């Protein structure tokens, strides 16, 4: 007699502003260039306007250009990994994954965590929470034989983020595989139905993902930096425009509003799976 397969739960996160208070490049990489974060992002935006280019590609290109001009800042895989070790996290993130995994497992689900970010994949891999993720989808570089970054290899912006939700749902996690992800899947073929997906993000660049997940029966959550009126206003905007189910402070500690809400969603998913 075959036993029923346990349903999978996918919790999908943006990174900057969602799990970490700031942009990952700003903790060590940009300061090492000897310029302010404000100037760096301003130059990246201006480059995008001048070249009529994607802002993710321009900031990645600017990282390489600035590093080469500095003569001291390295852009190797190992250097990015080390930069990732300095990334700061919101309160409770360090214990969040094991706690949520334990809770979801107790409800008969198989929990998985994913990142979909416009940040640098190699830096996220260097962060102290990288091992909790089934897959990290993020912008990344192409490297030469010496592991030196030469040009952008993957640029993930606010619209291209959505393809990775379908990859997660269909179980097609290889970025190079375009055939399988575009194939029609019947509902019973999906590895993770959208009803079992929770998306957590912080801003306007997350709107397409939030909307897709919410429209397909999943659960979208906006988080904001505690005590930041600007960030809370953005989260409230997402509520008002029906993009998310709820907006909560980015406090991941046990017993926080976010902790309690996600557990309620897990209870709901468990009851219908």
C-alpha atoms as a PDB file:
ATOM      1  CA  UNK A   1       0.000   0.000   0.000  1.00  0.00           C
ATOM      2  CA  UNK A   2       1.477   3.360  -1.020  1.00  0.00           C
ATOM      3  CA  UNK A   3       1.380   6.207   1.463  1.00  0.00           C
ATOM      4  CA  UNK A   4       0.314   9.705   0.502  1.00  0.00           C
ATOM      5  CA  UNK A   5       3.221  11.951  -0.376  1.00  0.00           C
ATOM      6  CA  UNK A   6       3.712  14.817   2.061  1.00  0.00           C
ATOM      7  CA  UNK A   7       2.903  18.214   0.511  1.00  0.00           C
ATOM      8  CA  UNK A   8       5.728  20.700   0.060  1.00  0.00           C
ATOM      9  CA  UNK A   9       5.691  24.253   1.359  1.00  0.00           C
ATOM     10  CA  UNK A  10       7.837  26.909  -0.346  1.00  0.00           C
ATOM     11  CA  UNK A  11       8.634  30.140   1.485  1.00  0.00           C
ATOM     12  CA  UNK A  12      10.199  32.556  -0.994  1.00  0.00           C
ATOM     13  CA  UNK A  13      12.097  35.674   0.053  1.00  0.00           C
ATOM     14  CA  UNK A  14      13.526  38.771  -1.476  1.00  0.00           C
ATOM     15  CA  UNK A  15      16.814  39.564   0.311  1.00  0.00           C
ATOM     16  CA  UNK A  16      17.754  43.252   0.590  1.00  0.00           C
ATOM     17  CA  UNK A  17      15.202  45.005   2.795  1.00  0.00           C
ATOM     18  CA  UNK A  18      13.487  41.701   3.522  1.00  0.00           C
ATOM     19  CA  UNK A  19      15.986  39.549   5.408  1.00  0.00           C
ATOM     20  CA  UNK A  20      18.671  42.229   5.604  1.00  0.00           C
ATOM     21  CA  UNK A  21      18.095  45.906   6.532  1.00  0.00           C
ATOM     22  CA  UNK A  22      20.188  47.312   3.674  1.00  0.00           C
ATOM     23  CA  UNK A  23      21.626  46.582   0.251  1.00  0.00           C
ATOM     24  CA  UNK A  24      24.280  43.878   0.505  1.00  0.00           C
ATOM     25  CA  UNK A  25      26.799  45.888  -1.550  1.00  0.00           C
ATOM     26  CA  UNK A  26      26.726  48.690   1.034  1.00  0.00           C
ATOM     27  CA  UNK A  27      28.139  46.817   4.006  1.00  0.00           C
ATOM     28  CA  UNK A  28      31.721  46.425   2.780  1.00  0.00           C
ATOM     29  CA  UNK A  29      32.033  46.420  -1.009  1.00  0.00           C
ATOM     30  CA  UNK A  30      30.982  50.004  -1.797  1.00  0.00           C
ATOM     31  CA  UNK A  31      32.828  51.476   1.235  1.00  0.00           C
ATOM     32  CA  UNK A  32      35.967  49.677   0.058  1.00  0.00           C
ATOM     33  CA  UNK A  33      35.620  51.547  -3.246  1.00  0.00           C
ATOM     34  CA  UNK A  34      35.957  54.793  -1.305  1.00  0.00           C
ATOM     35  CA  UNK A  35      32.584  56.211  -2.363  1.00  0.00           C
ATOM     36  CA  UNK A  36      29.246  56.608  -0.625  1.00  0.00           C
ATOM     37  CA  UNK A  37      26.345  54.235  -1.345  1.00  0.00           C
ATOM     38  CA  UNK A  38      24.282  57.251  -2.444  1.00  0.00           C
ATOM     39  CA  UNK A  39      26.866  58.167  -5.079  1.00  0.00           C
ATOM     40  CA  UNK A  40      27.244  54.579  -6.270  1.00  0.00           C
ATOM     41  CA  UNK A  41      23.503  54.060  -6.845  1.00  0.00           C
ATOM     42  CA  UNK A  42      23.153  57.504  -8.384  1.00  0.00           C
ATOM     43  CA  UNK A  43      25.874  56.705 -10.929  1.00  0.00           C
ATOM     44  CA  UNK A  44      24.281  53.324 -11.676  1.00  0.00           C
ATOM     45  CA  UNK A  45      20.915  54.974 -12.315  1.00  0.00           C
ATOM     46  CA  UNK A  46      22.479  57.631 -14.513  1.00  0.00           C
ATOM     47  CA  UNK A  47      24.312  54.968 -16.509  1.00  0.00           C
ATOM     48  CA  UNK A  48      21.004  53.171 -17.050  1.00  0.00           C
ATOM     49  CA  UNK A  49      19.423  56.377 -18.359  1.00  0.00           C
ATOM     50  CA  UNK A  50      22.384  57.267 -20.588  1.00  0.00           C
ATOM     51  CA  UNK A  51      22.550  53.773 -22.092  1.00  0.00           C
ATOM     52  CA  UNK A  52      18.793  53.068 -21.972  1.00  0.00           C
ATOM     53  CA  UNK A  53      19.779  49.936 -20.094  1.00  0.00           C
ATOM     54  CA  UNK A  54      18.497  47.733 -17.302  1.00  0.00           C
ATOM     55  CA  UNK A  55      19.437  49.131 -13.872  1.00  0.00           C
ATOM     56  CA  UNK A  56      20.505  45.731 -12.573  1.00  0.00           C
ATOM     57  CA  UNK A  57      22.944  45.288 -15.447  1.00  0.00           C
ATOM     58  CA  UNK A  58      24.290  48.802 -14.987  1.00  0.00           C
ATOM     59  CA  UNK A  59      24.922  48.467 -11.251  1.00  0.00           C
ATOM     60  CA  UNK A  60      26.686  45.142 -11.842  1.00  0.00           C
ATOM     61  CA  UNK A  61      28.792  46.678 -14.600  1.00  0.00           C
ATOM     62  CA  UNK A  62      29.587  49.654 -12.377  1.00  0.00           C
ATOM     63  CA  UNK A  63      30.791  47.284  -9.641  1.00  0.00           C
ATOM     64  CA  UNK A  64      33.354  45.873 -12.068  1.00  0.00           C
ATOM     65  CA  UNK A  65      34.348  49.277 -13.463  1.00  0.00           C
ATOM     66  CA  UNK A  66      34.808  50.831 -10.025  1.00  0.00           C
ATOM     67  CA  UNK A  67      36.708  47.817  -8.703  1.00  0.00           C
ATOM     68  CA  UNK A  68      39.116  47.884 -11.652  1.00  0.00           C
ATOM     69  CA  UNK A  69      39.698  51.610 -11.178  1.00  0.00           C
ATOM     70  CA  UNK A  70      40.371  51.151  -7.462  1.00  0.00           C
ATOM     71  CA  UNK A  71      43.245  48.684  -8.105  1.00  0.00           C
ATOM     72  CA  UNK A  72      42.654  47.159  -4.655  1.00  0.00           C
ATOM     73  CA  UNK A  73      39.043  45.911  -4.552  1.00  0.00           C
ATOM     74  CA  UNK A  74      38.791  42.319  -5.790  1.00  0.00           C
ATOM     75  CA  UNK A  75      35.859  40.914  -7.753  1.00  0.00           C
ATOM     76  CA  UNK A  76      36.565  37.206  -7.393  1.00  0.00           C
ATOM     77  CA  UNK A  77      34.125  34.543  -6.196  1.00  0.00           C
ATOM     78  CA  UNK A  78      36.052  34.293  -2.960  1.00  0.00           C
ATOM     79  CA  UNK A  79      36.003  38.067  -2.426  1.00  0.00           C
ATOM     80  CA  UNK A  80      32.241  38.234  -2.955  1.00  0.00           C
ATOM     81  CA  UNK A  81      31.809  35.309  -0.557  1.00  0.00           C
ATOM     82  CA  UNK A  82      33.778  37.192   2.103  1.00  0.00           C
ATOM     83  CA  UNK A  83      31.743  40.351   1.509  1.00  0.00           C
ATOM     84  CA  UNK A  84      28.619  38.264   2.081  1.00  0.00           C
ATOM     85  CA  UNK A  85      29.843  37.308   5.543  1.00  0.00           C
ATOM     86  CA  UNK A  86      29.431  40.921   6.686  1.00  0.00           C
ATOM     87  CA  UNK A  87      25.776  41.205   5.648  1.00  0.00           C
ATOM     88  CA  UNK A  88      23.571  42.219   8.555  1.00  0.00           C
ATOM     89  CA  UNK A  89      20.239  40.505   9.198  1.00  0.00           C
ATOM     90  CA  UNK A  90      16.986  41.567  10.804  1.00  0.00           C
ATOM     91  CA  UNK A  91      16.263  40.421  14.352  1.00  0.00           C
ATOM     92  CA  UNK A  92      15.359  36.762  14.567  1.00  0.00           C
ATOM     93  CA  UNK A  93      16.472  35.762  11.071  1.00  0.00           C
ATOM     94  CA  UNK A  94      19.271  33.613  12.496  1.00  0.00           C
ATOM     95  CA  UNK A  95      16.768  31.340  14.290  1.00  0.00           C
ATOM     96  CA  UNK A  96      13.840  31.733  11.886  1.00  0.00           C
ATOM     97  CA  UNK A  97      14.490  28.893   9.474  1.00  0.00           C
ATOM     98  CA  UNK A  98      14.954  26.083  11.979  1.00  0.00           C
ATOM     99  CA  UNK A  99      11.961  27.309  13.956  1.00  0.00           C
ATOM    100  CA  UNK A 100       9.664  27.489  10.926  1.00  0.00           C
ATOM    101  CA  UNK A 101      10.946  24.169   9.594  1.00  0.00           C
ATOM    102  CA  UNK A 102      10.115  22.488  12.899  1.00  0.00           C
ATOM    103  CA  UNK A 103       6.643  23.996  12.952  1.00  0.00           C
ATOM    104  CA  UNK A 104       5.836  23.138   9.323  1.00  0.00           C
ATOM    105  CA  UNK A 105       7.182  19.595   9.681  1.00  0.00           C
ATOM    106  CA  UNK A 106       4.958  19.136  12.718  1.00  0.00           C
ATOM    107  CA  UNK A 107       1.994  20.076  10.528  1.00  0.00           C
ATOM    108  CA  UNK A 108       2.830  17.372   7.989  1.00  0.00           C
ATOM    109  CA  UNK A 109       4.501  19.620   5.409  1.00  0.00           C
ATOM    110  CA  UNK A 110       7.935  19.532   3.794  1.00  0.00           C
ATOM    111  CA  UNK A 111       9.272  23.092   4.173  1.00  0.00           C
ATOM    112  CA  UNK A 112      11.660  24.648   1.672  1.00  0.00           C
ATOM    113  CA  UNK A 113      13.115  28.149   1.522  1.00  0.00           C
ATOM    114  CA  UNK A 114      14.120  30.071  -1.625  1.00  0.00           C
ATOM    115  CA  UNK A 115      15.684  33.427  -2.459  1.00  0.00           C
ATOM    116  CA  UNK A 116      14.683  35.515  -5.492  1.00  0.00           C
ATOM    117  CA  UNK A 117      16.837  38.642  -5.406  1.00  0.00           C
ATOM    118  CA  UNK A 118      18.313  41.340  -7.613  1.00  0.00           C
ATOM    119  CA  UNK A 119      21.353  41.282  -5.336  1.00  0.00           C
ATOM    120  CA  UNK A 120      24.545  39.339  -5.926  1.00  0.00           C
ATOM    121  CA  UNK A 121      24.177  35.568  -5.613  1.00  0.00           C
ATOM    122  CA  UNK A 122      27.797  35.040  -4.629  1.00  0.00           C
ATOM    123  CA  UNK A 123      27.395  37.443  -1.695  1.00  0.00           C
ATOM    124  CA  UNK A 124      24.223  35.709  -0.506  1.00  0.00           C
ATOM    125  CA  UNK A 125      26.066  32.389  -0.644  1.00  0.00           C
ATOM    126  CA  UNK A 126      28.606  33.919   1.744  1.00  0.00           C
ATOM    127  CA  UNK A 127      25.946  34.992   4.231  1.00  0.00           C
ATOM    128  CA  UNK A 128      25.469  32.992   7.446  1.00  0.00           C
ATOM    129  CA  UNK A 129      21.988  31.805   6.389  1.00  0.00           C
ATOM    130  CA  UNK A 130      22.823  30.536   2.884  1.00  0.00           C
ATOM    131  CA  UNK A 131      22.687  26.854   3.861  1.00  0.00           C
ATOM    132  CA  UNK A 132      18.996  27.104   4.713  1.00  0.00           C
ATOM    133  CA  UNK A 133      17.932  27.717   1.113  1.00  0.00           C
ATOM    134  CA  UNK A 134      16.979  25.009  -1.361  1.00  0.00           C
ATOM    135  CA  UNK A 135      18.033  27.401  -4.126  1.00  0.00           C
ATOM    136  CA  UNK A 136      19.250  30.982  -4.376  1.00  0.00           C
ATOM    137  CA  UNK A 137      18.074  32.765  -7.511  1.00  0.00           C
ATOM    138  CA  UNK A 138      19.936  36.070  -7.737  1.00  0.00           C
ATOM    139  CA  UNK A 139      21.978  38.216 -10.091  1.00  0.00           C
ATOM    140  CA  UNK A 140      25.422  36.769 -10.730  1.00  0.00           C
ATOM    141  CA  UNK A 141      28.592  37.240 -12.737  1.00  0.00           C
ATOM    142  CA  UNK A 142      30.430  35.151 -15.299  1.00  0.00           C
ATOM    143  CA  UNK A 143      34.017  34.345 -14.318  1.00  0.00           C
ATOM    144  CA  UNK A 144      37.279  33.589 -16.073  1.00  0.00           C
ATOM    145  CA  UNK A 145      39.526  30.621 -15.253  1.00  0.00           C
ATOM    146  CA  UNK A 146      40.947  32.536 -12.290  1.00  0.00           C
ATOM    147  CA  UNK A 147      37.450  33.069 -10.809  1.00  0.00           C
ATOM    148  CA  UNK A 148      37.593  36.788 -11.590  1.00  0.00           C
ATOM    149  CA  UNK A 149      34.252  38.357 -12.527  1.00  0.00           C
ATOM    150  CA  UNK A 150      34.343  39.664 -16.094  1.00  0.00           C
ATOM    151  CA  UNK A 151      30.733  40.543 -16.956  1.00  0.00           C
ATOM    152  CA  UNK A 152      27.183  40.026 -15.682  1.00  0.00           C
ATOM    153  CA  UNK A 153      25.885  36.523 -16.239  1.00  0.00           C
ATOM    154  CA  UNK A 154      22.388  36.788 -14.749  1.00  0.00           C
ATOM    155  CA  UNK A 155      20.473  39.993 -14.024  1.00  0.00           C
ATOM    156  CA  UNK A 156      17.230  39.571 -12.094  1.00  0.00           C
ATOM    157  CA  UNK A 157      14.947  42.597 -12.114  1.00  0.00           C
ATOM    158  CA  UNK A 158      11.420  43.117 -10.820  1.00  0.00           C
ATOM    159  CA  UNK A 159       9.696  41.461 -13.801  1.00  0.00           C
ATOM    160  CA  UNK A 160      12.122  38.598 -14.439  1.00  0.00           C
ATOM    161  CA  UNK A 161      11.740  37.622 -10.782  1.00  0.00           C
ATOM    162  CA  UNK A 162       8.388  36.017 -11.551  1.00  0.00           C
ATOM    163  CA  UNK A 163       9.843  33.260 -13.756  1.00  0.00           C
ATOM    164  CA  UNK A 164      11.502  31.765 -10.699  1.00  0.00           C
ATOM    165  CA  UNK A 165       8.179  31.348  -8.945  1.00  0.00           C
ATOM    166  CA  UNK A 166       7.134  29.084 -11.812  1.00  0.00           C
ATOM    167  CA  UNK A 167      10.454  27.266 -11.646  1.00  0.00           C
ATOM    168  CA  UNK A 168       9.854  26.567  -7.963  1.00  0.00           C
ATOM    169  CA  UNK A 169       6.283  25.471  -8.558  1.00  0.00           C
ATOM    170  CA  UNK A 170       7.265  23.163 -11.431  1.00  0.00           C
ATOM    171  CA  UNK A 171      10.498  21.944  -9.864  1.00  0.00           C
ATOM    172  CA  UNK A 172      12.627  23.259 -12.750  1.00  0.00           C
ATOM    173  CA  UNK A 173      15.402  24.875 -10.750  1.00  0.00           C
ATOM    174  CA  UNK A 174      18.147  24.831 -13.417  1.00  0.00           C
ATOM    175  CA  UNK A 175      18.298  28.369 -14.817  1.00  0.00           C
ATOM    176  CA  UNK A 176      19.559  27.128 -18.184  1.00  0.00           C
ATOM    177  CA  UNK A 177      16.509  24.861 -18.647  1.00  0.00           C
ATOM    178  CA  UNK A 178      14.008  26.939 -20.624  1.00  0.00           C
ATOM    179  CA  UNK A 179      12.098  24.042 -22.156  1.00  0.00           C
ATOM    180  CA  UNK A 180      10.734  22.412 -19.030  1.00  0.00           C
ATOM    181  CA  UNK A 181       9.774  25.656 -17.303  1.00  0.00           C
ATOM    182  CA  UNK A 182       7.717  26.672 -20.359  1.00  0.00           C
ATOM    183  CA  UNK A 183       5.954  23.314 -20.627  1.00  0.00           C
ATOM    184  CA  UNK A 184       2.357  23.057 -19.467  1.00  0.00           C
ATOM    185  CA  UNK A 185       1.959  21.316 -16.124  1.00  0.00           C
ATOM    186  CA  UNK A 186      -1.387  20.034 -14.916  1.00  0.00           C
ATOM    187  CA  UNK A 187      -2.169  20.914 -11.271  1.00  0.00           C
ATOM    188  CA  UNK A 188      -1.318  17.414 -10.049  1.00  0.00           C
ATOM    189  CA  UNK A 189       2.098  17.585 -11.755  1.00  0.00           C
ATOM    190  CA  UNK A 190       3.271  20.667  -9.873  1.00  0.00           C
ATOM    191  CA  UNK A 191       5.970  20.082  -7.285  1.00  0.00           C
ATOM    192  CA  UNK A 192       4.666  22.998  -5.210  1.00  0.00           C
ATOM    193  CA  UNK A 193       1.198  24.354  -6.042  1.00  0.00           C
ATOM    194  CA  UNK A 194       0.927  28.118  -5.719  1.00  0.00           C
ATOM    195  CA  UNK A 195      -1.484  27.629  -2.826  1.00  0.00           C
ATOM    196  CA  UNK A 196       1.536  26.292  -0.909  1.00  0.00           C
ATOM    197  CA  UNK A 197       3.795  29.260  -1.665  1.00  0.00           C
ATOM    198  CA  UNK A 198       4.423  32.134   0.750  1.00  0.00           C
ATOM    199  CA  UNK A 199       6.210  35.170  -0.711  1.00  0.00           C
ATOM    200  CA  UNK A 200       7.884  37.695   1.595  1.00  0.00           C
ATOM    201  CA  UNK A 201       9.195  40.971   0.160  1.00  0.00           C
ATOM    202  CA  UNK A 202       9.632  44.605   1.078  1.00  0.00           C
ATOM    203  CA  UNK A 203       9.109  46.938  -1.833  1.00  0.00           C
ATOM    204  CA  UNK A 204       7.890  47.919  -5.257  1.00  0.00           C
ATOM    205  CA  UNK A 205      10.348  45.612  -7.028  1.00  0.00           C
ATOM    206  CA  UNK A 206       8.509  42.710  -5.387  1.00  0.00           C
ATOM    207  CA  UNK A 207       5.078  43.716  -6.721  1.00  0.00           C
ATOM    208  CA  UNK A 208       5.036  41.339  -9.723  1.00  0.00           C
ATOM    209  CA  UNK A 209       5.917  38.341  -7.525  1.00  0.00           C
ATOM    210  CA  UNK A 210       3.484  39.394  -4.808  1.00  0.00           C
ATOM    211  CA  UNK A 211       0.714  39.787  -7.357  1.00  0.00           C
ATOM    212  CA  UNK A 212       1.355  36.462  -9.071  1.00  0.00           C
ATOM    213  CA  UNK A 213       1.435  34.528  -5.810  1.00  0.00           C
ATOM    214  CA  UNK A 214      -1.666  36.244  -4.419  1.00  0.00           C
ATOM    215  CA  UNK A 215      -3.676  35.874  -7.644  1.00  0.00           C
ATOM    216  CA  UNK A 216      -2.905  32.152  -7.780  1.00  0.00           C
ATOM    217  CA  UNK A 217      -4.067  31.434  -4.261  1.00  0.00           C
ATOM    218  CA  UNK A 218      -0.750  31.755  -2.458  1.00  0.00           C
ATOM    219  CA  UNK A 219       0.136  34.114   0.370  1.00  0.00           C
ATOM    220  CA  UNK A 220       2.011  37.405  -0.085  1.00  0.00           C
ATOM    221  CA  UNK A 221       3.495  39.299   2.850  1.00  0.00           C
ATOM    222  CA  UNK A 222       5.074  42.765   2.842  1.00  0.00           C
ATOM    223  CA  UNK A 223       7.669  43.438   5.520  1.00  0.00           C
ATOM    224  CA  UNK A 224       9.222  46.757   6.444  1.00  0.00           C
ATOM    225  CA  UNK A 225      12.142  47.966   8.499  1.00  0.00           C
ATOM    226  CA  UNK A 226      10.914  48.560  12.047  1.00  0.00           C
ATOM    227  CA  UNK A 227      10.500  52.220  13.028  1.00  0.00           C
ATOM    228  CA  UNK A 228      10.953  53.390   9.429  1.00  0.00           C
ATOM    229  CA  UNK A 229       8.026  55.561   8.340  1.00  0.00           C
ATOM    230  CA  UNK A 230       9.195  55.494   4.735  1.00  0.00           C
ATOM    231  CA  UNK A 231       9.366  51.705   4.577  1.00  0.00           C
ATOM    232  CA  UNK A 232       6.036  51.329   6.373  1.00  0.00           C
ATOM    233  CA  UNK A 233       4.431  53.720   3.873  1.00  0.00           C
ATOM    234  CA  UNK A 234       5.609  51.498   1.025  1.00  0.00           C
ATOM    235  CA  UNK A 235       4.185  48.436   2.784  1.00  0.00           C
ATOM    236  CA  UNK A 236       0.874  50.234   3.372  1.00  0.00           C
ATOM    237  CA  UNK A 237       0.803  51.135  -0.323  1.00  0.00           C
ATOM    238  CA  UNK A 238       1.071  47.435  -1.182  1.00  0.00           C
ATOM    239  CA  UNK A 239      -1.889  46.677   1.089  1.00  0.00           C
ATOM    240  CA  UNK A 240      -3.982  49.499  -0.356  1.00  0.00           C
ATOM    241  CA  UNK A 241      -3.303  48.290  -3.890  1.00  0.00           C
ATOM    242  CA  UNK A 242      -4.272  44.711  -3.061  1.00  0.00           C
ATOM    243  CA  UNK A 243      -0.786  43.335  -3.736  1.00  0.00           C
ATOM    244  CA  UNK A 244      -0.327  41.557  -0.416  1.00  0.00           C
ATOM    245  CA  UNK A 245      -2.424  40.040   2.336  1.00  0.00           C
ATOM    246  CA  UNK A 246      -0.665  41.794   5.200  1.00  0.00           C
ATOM    247  CA  UNK A 247       2.182  44.215   6.017  1.00  0.00           C
ATOM    248  CA  UNK A 248       4.286  43.513   9.106  1.00  0.00           C
ATOM    249  CA  UNK A 249       7.560  44.675  10.699  1.00  0.00           C
ATOM    250  CA  UNK A 250      10.594  42.668   9.561  1.00  0.00           C
ATOM    251  CA  UNK A 251      11.083  41.098  12.962  1.00  0.00           C
ATOM    252  CA  UNK A 252      11.577  37.352  12.635  1.00  0.00           C
ATOM    253  CA  UNK A 253      11.929  36.540  16.331  1.00  0.00           C
ATOM    254  CA  UNK A 254       9.875  33.827  18.011  1.00  0.00           C
ATOM    255  CA  UNK A 255       6.457  35.223  18.928  1.00  0.00           C
ATOM    256  CA  UNK A 256       6.736  38.284  16.640  1.00  0.00           C
ATOM    257  CA  UNK A 257       3.774  39.329  14.496  1.00  0.00           C
ATOM    258  CA  UNK A 258       5.503  37.891  11.433  1.00  0.00           C
ATOM    259  CA  UNK A 259       6.282  34.621  13.196  1.00  0.00           C
ATOM    260  CA  UNK A 260       2.676  34.238  14.335  1.00  0.00           C
ATOM    261  CA  UNK A 261       1.203  35.150  10.947  1.00  0.00           C
ATOM    262  CA  UNK A 262       3.365  32.738   8.960  1.00  0.00           C
ATOM    263  CA  UNK A 263       2.456  29.944  11.375  1.00  0.00           C
ATOM    264  CA  UNK A 264      -1.247  30.722  10.846  1.00  0.00           C
ATOM    265  CA  UNK A 265      -0.696  30.470   7.079  1.00  0.00           C
ATOM    266  CA  UNK A 266       1.123  27.167   7.572  1.00  0.00           C
ATOM    267  CA  UNK A 267      -1.861  25.909   9.590  1.00  0.00           C
ATOM    268  CA  UNK A 268      -4.149  26.864   6.708  1.00  0.00           C
ATOM    269  CA  UNK A 269      -1.969  25.204   4.075  1.00  0.00           C
ATOM    270  CA  UNK A 270      -1.721  22.064   6.192  1.00  0.00           C
ATOM    271  CA  UNK A 271      -5.486  21.857   6.606  1.00  0.00           C
ATOM    272  CA  UNK A 272      -6.184  21.902   2.860  1.00  0.00           C
ATOM    273  CA  UNK A 273      -3.186  19.926   1.550  1.00  0.00           C
END
